[in-house]
Amino acid sequence: MEIREILETNLVSNNLEVKFRIDEDTDEVIRTYTFDLDVILEYGYDIFPEPLDMTDMDEEYLDEEYEMEEFETEIDESELTLFMNEFFSITEKLPEAESY
């Protein structure tokens, strides 16, 4: 089992939701899994090529609660793919395929 492609990532708070396909999947199915960012770091992977940039936010905005999805973040998909392959081979928690 290998990750064939990452279709979408959604960063919310300390979680990364990933929609993807493995090499055995057809184009008609999709799998979704939500990773805790701390777990990705515990495995030794750094999926953010640049630190999160929050310098454009004013102090009033910083005092409010916010969702991480409001920030533009670039994710290193090759690093994420390596992590996912290792994670699923160790944990065997591969999600079921769903119709796309």
PDB file of N, CA and C in Angstrom:
ATOM      1  N   MET A   1       0.842  -1.170   0.000  1.00  0.00           N
ATOM      2  CA  MET A   1       0.000   0.000   0.000  1.00  0.00           C
ATOM      3  C   MET A   1       0.890   1.237   0.000  1.00  0.00           C
ATOM      4  N   GLU A   2       0.651   2.096  -0.961  1.00  0.00           N
ATOM      5  CA  GLU A   2       1.347   3.379  -1.056  1.00  0.00           C
ATOM      6  C   GLU A   2       0.327   4.469  -1.356  1.00  0.00           C
ATOM      7  N   ILE A   3       0.587   5.667  -0.852  1.00  0.00           N
ATOM      8  CA  ILE A   3      -0.256   6.807  -1.180  1.00  0.00           C
ATOM      9  C   ILE A   3      -0.002   7.157  -2.647  1.00  0.00           C
ATOM     10  N   ARG A   4      -1.066   7.161  -3.456  1.00  0.00           N
ATOM     11  CA  ARG A   4      -0.938   7.501  -4.879  1.00  0.00           C
ATOM     12  C   ARG A   4      -1.002   9.004  -5.085  1.00  0.00           C
ATOM     13  N   GLU A   5      -1.980   9.654  -4.444  1.00  0.00           N
ATOM     14  CA  GLU A   5      -2.110  11.093  -4.605  1.00  0.00           C
ATOM     15  C   GLU A   5      -2.855  11.706  -3.431  1.00  0.00           C
ATOM     16  N   ILE A   6      -2.463  12.926  -3.121  1.00  0.00           N
ATOM     17  CA  ILE A   6      -3.167  13.727  -2.124  1.00  0.00           C
ATOM     18  C   ILE A   6      -4.059  14.687  -2.899  1.00  0.00           C
ATOM     19  N   LEU A   7      -5.350  14.616  -2.629  1.00  0.00           N
ATOM     20  CA  LEU A   7      -6.313  15.438  -3.365  1.00  0.00           C
ATOM     21  C   LEU A   7      -6.571  16.778  -2.696  1.00  0.00           C
ATOM     22  N   GLU A   8      -6.590  16.771  -1.363  1.00  0.00           N
ATOM     23  CA  GLU A   8      -6.941  17.999  -0.648  1.00  0.00           C
ATOM     24  C   GLU A   8      -6.422  17.917   0.771  1.00  0.00           C
ATOM     25  N   THR A   9      -5.986  19.055   1.293  1.00  0.00           N
ATOM     26  CA  THR A   9      -5.621  19.151   2.703  1.00  0.00           C
ATOM     27  C   THR A   9      -6.367  20.327   3.298  1.00  0.00           C
ATOM     28  N   ASN A  10      -6.752  20.169   4.551  1.00  0.00           N
ATOM     29  CA  ASN A  10      -7.495  21.216   5.241  1.00  0.00           C
ATOM     30  C   ASN A  10      -6.942  21.309   6.661  1.00  0.00           C
ATOM     31  N   LEU A  11      -6.313  22.421   6.973  1.00  0.00           N
ATOM     32  CA  LEU A  11      -5.688  22.636   8.271  1.00  0.00           C
ATOM     33  C   LEU A  11      -6.639  23.407   9.171  1.00  0.00           C
ATOM     34  N   VAL A  12      -7.062  22.775  10.268  1.00  0.00           N
ATOM     35  CA  VAL A  12      -7.951  23.417  11.229  1.00  0.00           C
ATOM     36  C   VAL A  12      -7.393  23.158  12.623  1.00  0.00           C
ATOM     37  N   SER A  13      -7.104  24.247  13.317  1.00  0.00           N
ATOM     38  CA  SER A  13      -6.547  24.171  14.658  1.00  0.00           C
ATOM     39  C   SER A  13      -5.266  23.351  14.609  1.00  0.00           C
ATOM     40  N   ASN A  14      -5.176  22.272  15.391  1.00  0.00           N
ATOM     41  CA  ASN A  14      -3.972  21.444  15.428  1.00  0.00           C
ATOM     42  C   ASN A  14      -4.172  20.148  14.643  1.00  0.00           C
ATOM     43  N   ASN A  15      -5.108  20.158  13.698  1.00  0.00           N
ATOM     44  CA  ASN A  15      -5.416  18.956  12.924  1.00  0.00           C
ATOM     45  C   ASN A  15      -5.287  19.220  11.434  1.00  0.00           C
ATOM     46  N   LEU A  16      -4.873  18.191  10.720  1.00  0.00           N
ATOM     47  CA  LEU A  16      -4.766  18.263   9.269  1.00  0.00           C
ATOM     48  C   LEU A  16      -5.636  17.161   8.677  1.00  0.00           C
ATOM     49  N   GLU A  17      -6.699  17.572   7.989  1.00  0.00           N
ATOM     50  CA  GLU A  17      -7.551  16.611   7.300  1.00  0.00           C
ATOM     51  C   GLU A  17      -6.993  16.418   5.892  1.00  0.00           C
ATOM     52  N   VAL A  18      -6.811  15.155   5.505  1.00  0.00           N
ATOM     53  CA  VAL A  18      -6.230  14.842   4.203  1.00  0.00           C
ATOM     54  C   VAL A  18      -7.187  13.934   3.442  1.00  0.00           C
ATOM     55  N   LYS A  19      -7.491  14.325   2.213  1.00  0.00           N
ATOM     56  CA  LYS A  19      -8.264  13.483   1.296  1.00  0.00           C
ATOM     57  C   LYS A  19      -7.267  12.944   0.287  1.00  0.00           C
ATOM     58  N   PHE A  20      -7.274  11.619   0.093  1.00  0.00           N
ATOM     59  CA  PHE A  20      -6.222  10.990  -0.698  1.00  0.00           C
ATOM     60  C   PHE A  20      -6.690   9.685  -1.324  1.00  0.00           C
ATOM     61  N   ARG A  21      -5.835   9.126  -2.177  1.00  0.00           N
ATOM     62  CA  ARG A  21      -6.040   7.801  -2.763  1.00  0.00           C
ATOM     63  C   ARG A  21      -4.761   6.995  -2.602  1.00  0.00           C
ATOM     64  N   ILE A  22      -4.934   5.687  -2.446  1.00  0.00           N
ATOM     65  CA  ILE A  22      -3.782   4.798  -2.430  1.00  0.00           C
ATOM     66  C   ILE A  22      -3.667   4.139  -3.803  1.00  0.00           C
ATOM     67  N   ASP A  23      -2.566   3.452  -4.032  1.00  0.00           N
ATOM     68  CA  ASP A  23      -2.308   2.878  -5.346  1.00  0.00           C
ATOM     69  C   ASP A  23      -3.355   1.860  -5.786  1.00  0.00           C
ATOM     70  N   GLU A  24      -4.069   1.269  -4.872  1.00  0.00           N
ATOM     71  CA  GLU A  24      -5.090   0.269  -5.208  1.00  0.00           C
ATOM     72  C   GLU A  24      -6.464   0.890  -5.498  1.00  0.00           C
ATOM     73  N   ASP A  25      -6.627   2.181  -5.238  1.00  0.00           N
ATOM     74  CA  ASP A  25      -7.922   2.852  -5.424  1.00  0.00           C
ATOM     75  C   ASP A  25      -8.151   3.241  -6.875  1.00  0.00           C
ATOM     76  N   THR A  26      -9.423   3.244  -7.269  1.00  0.00           N
ATOM     77  CA  THR A  26      -9.799   3.791  -8.566  1.00  0.00           C
ATOM     78  C   THR A  26     -10.039   5.292  -8.394  1.00  0.00           C
ATOM     79  N   ASP A  27     -10.257   5.972  -9.513  1.00  0.00           N
ATOM     80  CA  ASP A  27     -10.517   7.406  -9.451  1.00  0.00           C
ATOM     81  C   ASP A  27     -11.907   7.729  -8.915  1.00  0.00           C
ATOM     82  N   GLU A  28     -12.723   6.717  -8.709  1.00  0.00           N
ATOM     83  CA  GLU A  28     -14.087   6.922  -8.220  1.00  0.00           C
ATOM     84  C   GLU A  28     -14.188   6.898  -6.697  1.00  0.00           C
ATOM     85  N   VAL A  29     -13.074   6.669  -6.010  1.00  0.00           N
ATOM     86  CA  VAL A  29     -13.113   6.616  -4.543  1.00  0.00           C
ATOM     87  C   VAL A  29     -12.121   7.601  -3.946  1.00  0.00           C
ATOM     88  N   ILE A  30     -12.364   7.905  -2.687  1.00  0.00           N
ATOM     89  CA  ILE A  30     -11.507   8.818  -1.936  1.00  0.00           C
ATOM     90  C   ILE A  30     -11.440   8.323  -0.490  1.00  0.00           C
ATOM     91  N   ARG A  31     -10.339   8.595   0.157  1.00  0.00           N
ATOM     92  CA  ARG A  31     -10.176   8.275   1.580  1.00  0.00           C
ATOM     93  C   ARG A  31      -9.894   9.573   2.322  1.00  0.00           C
ATOM     94  N   THR A  32     -10.371   9.653   3.554  1.00  0.00           N
ATOM     95  CA  THR A  32     -10.166  10.856   4.369  1.00  0.00           C
ATOM     96  C   THR A  32      -9.657  10.438   5.739  1.00  0.00           C
ATOM     97  N   TYR A  33      -8.627  11.138   6.204  1.00  0.00           N
ATOM     98  CA  TYR A  33      -8.101  10.878   7.537  1.00  0.00           C
ATOM     99  C   TYR A  33      -7.672  12.216   8.140  1.00  0.00           C
ATOM    100  N   THR A  34      -7.898  12.383   9.433  1.00  0.00           N
ATOM    101  CA  THR A  34      -7.492  13.600  10.133  1.00  0.00           C
ATOM    102  C   THR A  34      -6.330  13.266  11.062  1.00  0.00           C
ATOM    103  N   PHE A  35      -5.224  13.959  10.845  1.00  0.00           N
ATOM    104  CA  PHE A  35      -4.008  13.766  11.636  1.00  0.00           C
ATOM    105  C   PHE A  35      -3.846  14.899  12.635  1.00  0.00           C
ATOM    106  N   ASP A  36      -3.413  14.571  13.824  1.00  0.00           N
ATOM    107  CA  ASP A  36      -2.993  15.563  14.801  1.00  0.00           C
ATOM    108  C   ASP A  36      -1.585  15.999  14.389  1.00  0.00           C
ATOM    109  N   LEU A  37      -1.341  17.293  14.288  1.00  0.00           N
ATOM    110  CA  LEU A  37      -0.030  17.780  13.858  1.00  0.00           C
ATOM    111  C   LEU A  37       1.083  17.308  14.785  1.00  0.00           C
ATOM    112  N   ASP A  38       0.786  17.136  16.065  1.00  0.00           N
ATOM    113  CA  ASP A  38       1.799  16.655  17.005  1.00  0.00           C
ATOM    114  C   ASP A  38       2.266  15.246  16.651  1.00  0.00           C
ATOM    115  N   VAL A  39       1.363  14.424  16.137  1.00  0.00           N
ATOM    116  CA  VAL A  39       1.733  13.062  15.735  1.00  0.00           C
ATOM    117  C   VAL A  39       2.694  13.118  14.556  1.00  0.00           C
ATOM    118  N   ILE A  40       2.433  13.995  13.608  1.00  0.00           N
ATOM    119  CA  ILE A  40       3.323  14.133  12.452  1.00  0.00           C
ATOM    120  C   ILE A  40       4.723  14.525  12.922  1.00  0.00           C
ATOM    121  N   LEU A  41       4.792  15.466  13.866  1.00  0.00           N
ATOM    122  CA  LEU A  41       6.086  15.882  14.406  1.00  0.00           C
ATOM    123  C   LEU A  41       6.762  14.762  15.189  1.00  0.00           C
ATOM    124  N   GLU A  42       5.977  13.980  15.938  1.00  0.00           N
ATOM    125  CA  GLU A  42       6.538  12.857  16.698  1.00  0.00           C
ATOM    126  C   GLU A  42       7.193  11.830  15.774  1.00  0.00           C
ATOM    127  N   TYR A  43       6.663  11.678  14.578  1.00  0.00           N
ATOM    128  CA  TYR A  43       7.252  10.763  13.602  1.00  0.00           C
ATOM    129  C   TYR A  43       8.488  11.374  12.933  1.00  0.00           C
ATOM    130  N   GLY A  44       8.760  12.642  13.203  1.00  0.00           N
ATOM    131  CA  GLY A  44       9.958  13.288  12.685  1.00  0.00           C
ATOM    132  C   GLY A  44       9.796  13.973  11.347  1.00  0.00           C
ATOM    133  N   TYR A  45       8.577  14.243  10.945  1.00  0.00           N
ATOM    134  CA  TYR A  45       8.331  14.886   9.648  1.00  0.00           C
ATOM    135  C   TYR A  45       7.964  16.350   9.844  1.00  0.00           C
ATOM    136  N   ASP A  46       8.493  17.197   8.958  1.00  0.00           N
ATOM    137  CA  ASP A  46       8.171  18.613   8.960  1.00  0.00           C
ATOM    138  C   ASP A  46       7.471  18.914   7.644  1.00  0.00           C
ATOM    139  N   ILE A  47       6.153  19.013   7.681  1.00  0.00           N
ATOM    140  CA  ILE A  47       5.376  19.178   6.456  1.00  0.00           C
ATOM    141  C   ILE A  47       5.199  20.638   6.049  1.00  0.00           C
ATOM    142  N   PHE A  48       5.705  21.563   6.858  1.00  0.00           N
ATOM    143  CA  PHE A  48       5.605  22.988   6.544  1.00  0.00           C
ATOM    144  C   PHE A  48       6.970  23.505   6.118  1.00  0.00           C
ATOM    145  N   PRO A  49       7.137  23.813   4.819  1.00  0.00           N
ATOM    146  CA  PRO A  49       8.443  24.292   4.359  1.00  0.00           C
ATOM    147  C   PRO A  49       8.823  25.643   4.959  1.00  0.00           C
ATOM    148  N   GLU A  50       7.811  26.435   5.325  1.00  0.00           N
ATOM    149  CA  GLU A  50       8.064  27.726   5.958  1.00  0.00           C
ATOM    150  C   GLU A  50       7.191  27.824   7.194  1.00  0.00           C
ATOM    151  N   PRO A  51       7.666  28.514   8.228  1.00  0.00           N
ATOM    152  CA  PRO A  51       6.831  28.672   9.428  1.00  0.00           C
ATOM    153  C   PRO A  51       5.534  29.406   9.103  1.00  0.00           C
ATOM    154  N   LEU A  52       4.502  29.153   9.892  1.00  0.00           N
ATOM    155  CA  LEU A  52       3.239  29.862   9.708  1.00  0.00           C
ATOM    156  C   LEU A  52       3.470  31.352   9.892  1.00  0.00           C
ATOM    157  N   ASP A  53       2.980  32.159   8.946  1.00  0.00           N
ATOM    158  CA  ASP A  53       3.185  33.611   8.986  1.00  0.00           C
ATOM    159  C   ASP A  53       1.953  34.291   9.561  1.00  0.00           C
ATOM    160  N   MET A  54       2.100  34.814  10.778  1.00  0.00           N
ATOM    161  CA  MET A  54       0.982  35.495  11.406  1.00  0.00           C
ATOM    162  C   MET A  54       1.312  36.973  11.604  1.00  0.00           C
ATOM    163  N   THR A  55       2.289  37.487  10.861  1.00  0.00           N
ATOM    164  CA  THR A  55       2.708  38.877  11.035  1.00  0.00           C
ATOM    165  C   THR A  55       1.706  39.876  10.475  1.00  0.00           C
ATOM    166  N   ASP A  56       0.838  39.432   9.565  1.00  0.00           N
ATOM    167  CA  ASP A  56      -0.143  40.345   8.972  1.00  0.00           C
ATOM    168  C   ASP A  56      -1.342  40.594   9.878  1.00  0.00           C
ATOM    169  N   MET A  57      -1.410  39.921  10.987  1.00  0.00           N
ATOM    170  CA  MET A  57      -2.569  40.048  11.861  1.00  0.00           C
ATOM    171  C   MET A  57      -2.342  41.168  12.873  1.00  0.00           C
ATOM    172  N   ASP A  58      -3.375  41.960  13.115  1.00  0.00           N
ATOM    173  CA  ASP A  58      -3.245  43.002  14.126  1.00  0.00           C
ATOM    174  C   ASP A  58      -3.535  42.421  15.507  1.00  0.00           C
ATOM    175  N   GLU A  59      -3.225  43.166  16.552  1.00  0.00           N
ATOM    176  CA  GLU A  59      -3.359  42.660  17.918  1.00  0.00           C
ATOM    177  C   GLU A  59      -4.795  42.344  18.286  1.00  0.00           C
ATOM    178  N   GLU A  60      -5.738  43.128  17.778  1.00  0.00           N
ATOM    179  CA  GLU A  60      -7.146  42.856  18.077  1.00  0.00           C
ATOM    180  C   GLU A  60      -7.537  41.479  17.538  1.00  0.00           C
ATOM    181  N   TYR A  61      -7.062  41.172  16.345  1.00  0.00           N
ATOM    182  CA  TYR A  61      -7.373  39.872  15.744  1.00  0.00           C
ATOM    183  C   TYR A  61      -6.711  38.745  16.533  1.00  0.00           C
ATOM    184  N   LEU A  62      -5.506  38.976  17.015  1.00  0.00           N
ATOM    185  CA  LEU A  62      -4.796  37.948  17.775  1.00  0.00           C
ATOM    186  C   LEU A  62      -5.507  37.617  19.078  1.00  0.00           C
ATOM    187  N   ASP A  63      -6.242  38.578  19.631  1.00  0.00           N
ATOM    188  CA  ASP A  63      -6.956  38.343  20.881  1.00  0.00           C
ATOM    189  C   ASP A  63      -8.203  37.487  20.676  1.00  0.00           C
ATOM    190  N   GLU A  64      -8.696  37.411  19.446  1.00  0.00           N
ATOM    191  CA  GLU A  64      -9.892  36.620  19.170  1.00  0.00           C
ATOM    192  C   GLU A  64      -9.498  35.166  18.913  1.00  0.00           C
ATOM    193  N   GLU A  65     -10.468  34.273  19.114  1.00  0.00           N
ATOM    194  CA  GLU A  65     -10.224  32.886  18.751  1.00  0.00           C
ATOM    195  C   GLU A  65     -10.172  32.802  17.237  1.00  0.00           C
ATOM    196  N   TYR A  66      -9.350  31.920  16.717  1.00  0.00           N
ATOM    197  CA  TYR A  66      -9.227  31.805  15.272  1.00  0.00           C
ATOM    198  C   TYR A  66      -9.060  30.340  14.882  1.00  0.00           C
ATOM    199  N   GLU A  67      -9.331  30.066  13.646  1.00  0.00           N
ATOM    200  CA  GLU A  67      -9.122  28.739  13.076  1.00  0.00           C
ATOM    201  C   GLU A  67      -7.880  28.814  12.193  1.00  0.00           C
ATOM    202  N   MET A  68      -7.062  27.782  12.220  1.00  0.00           N
ATOM    203  CA  MET A  68      -5.855  27.771  11.422  1.00  0.00           C
ATOM    204  C   MET A  68      -6.165  27.838   9.929  1.00  0.00           C
ATOM    205  N   GLU A  69      -7.347  27.415   9.511  1.00  0.00           N
ATOM    206  CA  GLU A  69      -7.670  27.437   8.091  1.00  0.00           C
ATOM    207  C   GLU A  69      -7.721  28.857   7.536  1.00  0.00           C
ATOM    208  N   GLU A  70      -7.754  29.848   8.404  1.00  0.00           N
ATOM    209  CA  GLU A  70      -7.789  31.230   7.958  1.00  0.00           C
ATOM    210  C   GLU A  70      -6.424  31.702   7.463  1.00  0.00           C
ATOM    211  N   PHE A  71      -5.377  30.946   7.719  1.00  0.00           N
ATOM    212  CA  PHE A  71      -4.038  31.329   7.318  1.00  0.00           C
ATOM    213  C   PHE A  71      -3.624  30.559   6.075  1.00  0.00           C
ATOM    214  N   GLU A  72      -2.939  31.257   5.185  1.00  0.00           N
ATOM    215  CA  GLU A  72      -2.385  30.601   4.016  1.00  0.00           C
ATOM    216  C   GLU A  72      -1.155  29.817   4.473  1.00  0.00           C
ATOM    217  N   THR A  73      -1.192  28.520   4.312  1.00  0.00           N
ATOM    218  CA  THR A  73      -0.051  27.698   4.667  1.00  0.00           C
ATOM    219  C   THR A  73       0.243  26.759   3.524  1.00  0.00           C
ATOM    220  N   GLU A  74       1.499  26.630   3.221  1.00  0.00           N
ATOM    221  CA  GLU A  74       1.917  25.711   2.180  1.00  0.00           C
ATOM    222  C   GLU A  74       2.354  24.417   2.857  1.00  0.00           C
ATOM    223  N   ILE A  75       1.882  23.302   2.328  1.00  0.00           N
ATOM    224  CA  ILE A  75       2.218  21.997   2.887  1.00  0.00           C
ATOM    225  C   ILE A  75       3.091  21.253   1.888  1.00  0.00           C
ATOM    226  N   ASP A  76       4.165  20.684   2.376  1.00  0.00           N
ATOM    227  CA  ASP A  76       5.064  19.885   1.549  1.00  0.00           C
ATOM    228  C   ASP A  76       4.413  18.516   1.344  1.00  0.00           C
ATOM    229  N   GLU A  77       3.780  18.329   0.182  1.00  0.00           N
ATOM    230  CA  GLU A  77       3.028  17.098  -0.062  1.00  0.00           C
ATOM    231  C   GLU A  77       3.922  15.865  -0.172  1.00  0.00           C
ATOM    232  N   SER A  78       5.149  16.028  -0.633  1.00  0.00           N
ATOM    233  CA  SER A  78       6.037  14.861  -0.698  1.00  0.00           C
ATOM    234  C   SER A  78       6.404  14.393   0.708  1.00  0.00           C
ATOM    235  N   GLU A  79       6.645  15.334   1.607  1.00  0.00           N
ATOM    236  CA  GLU A  79       6.942  14.990   3.009  1.00  0.00           C
ATOM    237  C   GLU A  79       5.703  14.386   3.681  1.00  0.00           C
ATOM    238  N   LEU A  80       4.539  14.953   3.388  1.00  0.00           N
ATOM    239  CA  LEU A  80       3.290  14.429   3.934  1.00  0.00           C
ATOM    240  C   LEU A  80       3.038  13.011   3.436  1.00  0.00           C
ATOM    241  N   THR A  81       3.310  12.748   2.166  1.00  0.00           N
ATOM    242  CA  THR A  81       3.135  11.410   1.601  1.00  0.00           C
ATOM    243  C   THR A  81       4.053  10.405   2.285  1.00  0.00           C
ATOM    244  N   LEU A  82       5.304  10.786   2.512  1.00  0.00           N
ATOM    245  CA  LEU A  82       6.238   9.894   3.221  1.00  0.00           C
ATOM    246  C   LEU A  82       5.725   9.572   4.620  1.00  0.00           C
ATOM    247  N   PHE A  83       5.268  10.610   5.328  1.00  0.00           N
ATOM    248  CA  PHE A  83       4.721  10.396   6.662  1.00  0.00           C
ATOM    249  C   PHE A  83       3.527   9.452   6.620  1.00  0.00           C
ATOM    250  N   MET A  84       2.585   9.708   5.708  1.00  0.00           N
ATOM    251  CA  MET A  84       1.371   8.898   5.644  1.00  0.00           C
ATOM    252  C   MET A  84       1.683   7.440   5.340  1.00  0.00           C
ATOM    253  N   ASN A  85       2.619   7.189   4.424  1.00  0.00           N
ATOM    254  CA  ASN A  85       3.001   5.808   4.121  1.00  0.00           C
ATOM    255  C   ASN A  85       3.541   5.110   5.363  1.00  0.00           C
ATOM    256  N   GLU A  86       4.392   5.804   6.111  1.00  0.00           N
ATOM    257  CA  GLU A  86       4.945   5.217   7.340  1.00  0.00           C
ATOM    258  C   GLU A  86       3.849   5.035   8.394  1.00  0.00           C
ATOM    259  N   PHE A  87       3.035   6.058   8.595  1.00  0.00           N
ATOM    260  CA  PHE A  87       1.985   6.013   9.610  1.00  0.00           C
ATOM    261  C   PHE A  87       1.029   4.853   9.374  1.00  0.00           C
ATOM    262  N   PHE A  88       0.531   4.719   8.154  1.00  0.00           N
ATOM    263  CA  PHE A  88      -0.443   3.660   7.876  1.00  0.00           C
ATOM    264  C   PHE A  88       0.190   2.276   7.897  1.00  0.00           C
ATOM    265  N   SER A  89       1.465   2.161   7.552  1.00  0.00           N
ATOM    266  CA  SER A  89       2.110   0.841   7.617  1.00  0.00           C
ATOM    267  C   SER A  89       2.335   0.406   9.067  1.00  0.00           C
ATOM    268  N   ILE A  90       2.552   1.367   9.962  1.00  0.00           N
ATOM    269  CA  ILE A  90       2.774   1.040  11.371  1.00  0.00           C
ATOM    270  C   ILE A  90       1.457   0.841  12.115  1.00  0.00           C
ATOM    271  N   THR A  91       0.529   1.765  11.942  1.00  0.00           N
ATOM    272  CA  THR A  91      -0.708   1.738  12.733  1.00  0.00           C
ATOM    273  C   THR A  91      -1.801   0.866  12.133  1.00  0.00           C
ATOM    274  N   GLU A  92      -1.727   0.620  10.825  1.00  0.00           N
ATOM    275  CA  GLU A  92      -2.764  -0.148  10.124  1.00  0.00           C
ATOM    276  C   GLU A  92      -4.147   0.466  10.321  1.00  0.00           C
ATOM    277  N   LYS A  93      -4.214   1.796  10.369  1.00  0.00           N
ATOM    278  CA  LYS A  93      -5.479   2.526  10.543  1.00  0.00           C
ATOM    279  C   LYS A  93      -5.956   3.133   9.227  1.00  0.00           C
ATOM    280  N   LEU A  94      -5.710   2.469   8.112  1.00  0.00           N
ATOM    281  CA  LEU A  94      -6.100   3.001   6.813  1.00  0.00           C
ATOM    282  C   LEU A  94      -7.618   3.132   6.737  1.00  0.00           C
ATOM    283  N   PRO A  95      -8.123   4.333   6.433  1.00  0.00           N
ATOM    284  CA  PRO A  95      -9.578   4.512   6.365  1.00  0.00           C
ATOM    285  C   PRO A  95     -10.159   3.802   5.147  1.00  0.00           C
ATOM    286  N   GLU A  96     -11.424   3.477   5.255  1.00  0.00           N
ATOM    287  CA  GLU A  96     -12.134   2.825   4.150  1.00  0.00           C
ATOM    288  C   GLU A  96     -12.293   3.803   2.990  1.00  0.00           C
ATOM    289  N   ALA A  97     -12.315   3.271   1.794  1.00  0.00           N
ATOM    290  CA  ALA A  97     -12.549   4.082   0.598  1.00  0.00           C
ATOM    291  C   ALA A  97     -14.039   4.413   0.518  1.00  0.00           C
ATOM    292  N   GLU A  98     -14.343   5.647   0.116  1.00  0.00           N
ATOM    293  CA  GLU A  98     -15.716   6.093  -0.050  1.00  0.00           C
ATOM    294  C   GLU A  98     -15.907   6.560  -1.483  1.00  0.00           C
ATOM    295  N   SER A  99     -17.115   6.451  -1.991  1.00  0.00           N
ATOM    296  CA  SER A  99     -17.403   6.917  -3.351  1.00  0.00           C
ATOM    297  C   SER A  99     -17.139   8.400  -3.439  1.00  0.00           C
ATOM    298  N   TYR A 100     -16.562   8.819  -4.545  1.00  0.00           N
ATOM    299  CA  TYR A 100     -16.183  10.217  -4.738  1.00  0.00           C
ATOM    300  C   TYR A 100     -17.173  10.917  -5.630  1.00  0.00           C
TER     301      TYR A 100
END
